[in-house]
C-alpha cells in the first residue's frame, strides 16, 4: 500500500514538473519552484529507498518467523511424544478411567 502511495505521489510530482515547464507562476519565480520540486524529488527518492530497505528487512523477519514456527511445531510434537513415552514407562500405574483421561488431556 505504501509503495502504491509513493507511485501516486511520484506521478503528482511529474505532473508538477510538466506544469512548471509549460506554464510558470506569477507568485514565485520559476527557479524557486524548480528548486522546491527538486527537493521534493530528492525526498521522494530517499523515502523510496527507505521503503525498499524496510521491505527487505520485513521479508527477512518473516522468513525467520516461518522457520521458528516450523521448528516450534516440531519440538512441540517431540515433547508430546516424550511425555507420552514417559507416562507409559511409569511402573505400577493402573489403567483407570482417571489415568486415561489425564493421558488424553496430555496428548491434546
Protein backbone atom coordinates (compact mmCIF):
# COMPACT_ATOMS: atom_id res chain seq x y z
CA UNK A 1 0.00 0.00 0.00
CA UNK A 2 2.84 2.35 0.87
CA UNK A 3 4.54 1.61 -2.43
CA UNK A 4 1.31 2.38 -4.29
CA UNK A 5 1.01 5.69 -2.47
CA UNK A 6 4.60 6.53 -3.38
CA UNK A 7 3.90 5.79 -7.05
CA UNK A 8 0.88 8.11 -6.94
CA UNK A 9 2.92 10.90 -5.31
CA UNK A 10 5.66 10.41 -7.86
CA UNK A 11 3.15 10.87 -10.66
CA UNK A 12 1.93 14.06 -8.99
CA UNK A 13 5.49 15.38 -8.84
CA UNK A 14 5.97 14.58 -12.51
CA UNK A 15 2.79 16.47 -13.33
CA UNK A 16 4.07 19.44 -11.32
CA UNK A 17 7.33 19.39 -13.25
CA UNK A 18 5.48 19.35 -16.55
CA UNK A 19 3.12 22.10 -15.42
CA UNK A 20 6.05 24.25 -14.31
CA UNK A 21 7.84 23.68 -17.55
CA UNK A 22 4.85 24.66 -19.65
CA UNK A 23 3.39 27.49 -17.59
CA UNK A 24 5.28 29.19 -14.78
CA UNK A 25 3.76 31.21 -11.94
CA UNK A 26 3.25 34.86 -11.11
CA UNK A 27 3.54 34.16 -7.37
CA UNK A 28 7.02 32.64 -7.34
CA UNK A 29 9.91 32.75 -9.68
CA UNK A 30 10.12 29.57 -11.76
CA UNK A 31 13.61 28.93 -10.34
CA UNK A 32 12.26 28.80 -6.78
CA UNK A 33 9.55 26.37 -7.83
CA UNK A 34 12.07 24.25 -9.68
CA UNK A 35 14.29 24.11 -6.61
CA UNK A 36 11.37 23.12 -4.39
CA UNK A 37 10.26 20.40 -6.80
CA UNK A 38 13.85 19.12 -6.97
CA UNK A 39 13.93 18.97 -3.15
CA UNK A 40 10.64 17.07 -3.16
CA UNK A 41 12.02 14.62 -5.73
CA UNK A 42 15.11 14.02 -3.57
CA UNK A 43 12.90 13.44 -0.55
CA UNK A 44 10.76 11.03 -2.59
CA UNK A 45 13.85 9.10 -3.72
CA UNK A 46 15.03 8.87 -0.11
CA UNK A 47 11.65 7.57 1.02
CA UNK A 48 11.56 5.03 -1.81
CA UNK A 49 14.99 3.73 -0.71
CA UNK A 50 13.87 3.53 2.92
CA UNK A 51 10.74 1.62 1.93
CA UNK A 52 12.85 -0.82 -0.10
CA UNK A 53 15.12 -1.37 2.89
CA UNK A 54 12.13 -1.83 5.17
CA UNK A 55 10.59 -4.32 2.76
CA UNK A 56 13.80 -6.37 2.64
CA UNK A 57 14.06 -6.31 6.42
CA UNK A 58 10.43 -7.35 6.84
CA UNK A 59 10.88 -10.18 4.34
CA UNK A 60 13.88 -11.45 6.28
CA UNK A 61 11.95 -11.24 9.55
CA UNK A 62 9.01 -13.07 8.03
CA UNK A 63 11.28 -15.89 6.82
CA UNK A 64 12.82 -16.17 10.30
CA UNK A 65 9.36 -16.38 11.91
CA UNK A 66 8.33 -19.10 9.45
CA UNK A 67 11.43 -21.10 10.35
CA UNK A 68 10.71 -20.54 14.06
CA UNK A 69 7.10 -21.74 13.65
CA UNK A 70 8.23 -24.90 11.86
CA UNK A 71 10.86 -25.69 14.47
CA UNK A 72 8.48 -24.88 17.33
CA UNK A 73 5.86 -27.28 15.93
CA UNK A 74 8.49 -30.00 15.57
CA UNK A 75 9.79 -29.50 19.12
CA UNK A 76 6.26 -29.43 20.49
CA UNK A 77 5.47 -32.74 18.80
CA UNK A 78 8.69 -34.30 20.09
CA UNK A 79 7.93 -33.07 23.62
CA UNK A 80 4.45 -34.57 23.48
CA UNK A 81 5.88 -37.88 22.30
CA UNK A 82 8.49 -37.78 25.07
CA UNK A 83 5.85 -37.09 27.73
CA UNK A 84 3.69 -39.90 26.36
CA UNK A 85 6.58 -42.35 26.48
CA UNK A 86 7.47 -41.17 29.98
CA UNK A 87 3.91 -41.71 31.16
CA UNK A 88 3.81 -45.17 29.56
CA UNK A 89 7.00 -46.25 31.25
CA UNK A 90 5.89 -45.42 34.79
CA UNK A 91 5.73 -48.64 36.79
CA UNK A 92 2.75 -49.68 38.87
CA UNK A 93 0.08 -47.37 37.50
CA UNK A 94 -3.29 -48.89 36.83
CA UNK A 95 -5.21 -48.11 33.68
CA UNK A 96 -8.05 -46.35 35.46
CA UNK A 97 -10.54 -44.02 33.84
CA UNK A 98 -8.88 -41.01 35.50
CA UNK A 99 -5.44 -42.05 34.27
CA UNK A 100 -6.78 -42.45 30.74
CA UNK A 101 -8.49 -39.03 30.89
CA UNK A 102 -5.22 -37.47 32.06
CA UNK A 103 -3.37 -39.17 29.23
CA UNK A 104 -5.89 -37.91 26.65
CA UNK A 105 -5.59 -34.38 28.05
CA UNK A 106 -1.81 -34.55 27.86
CA UNK A 107 -1.93 -35.75 24.26
CA UNK A 108 -4.33 -32.97 23.30
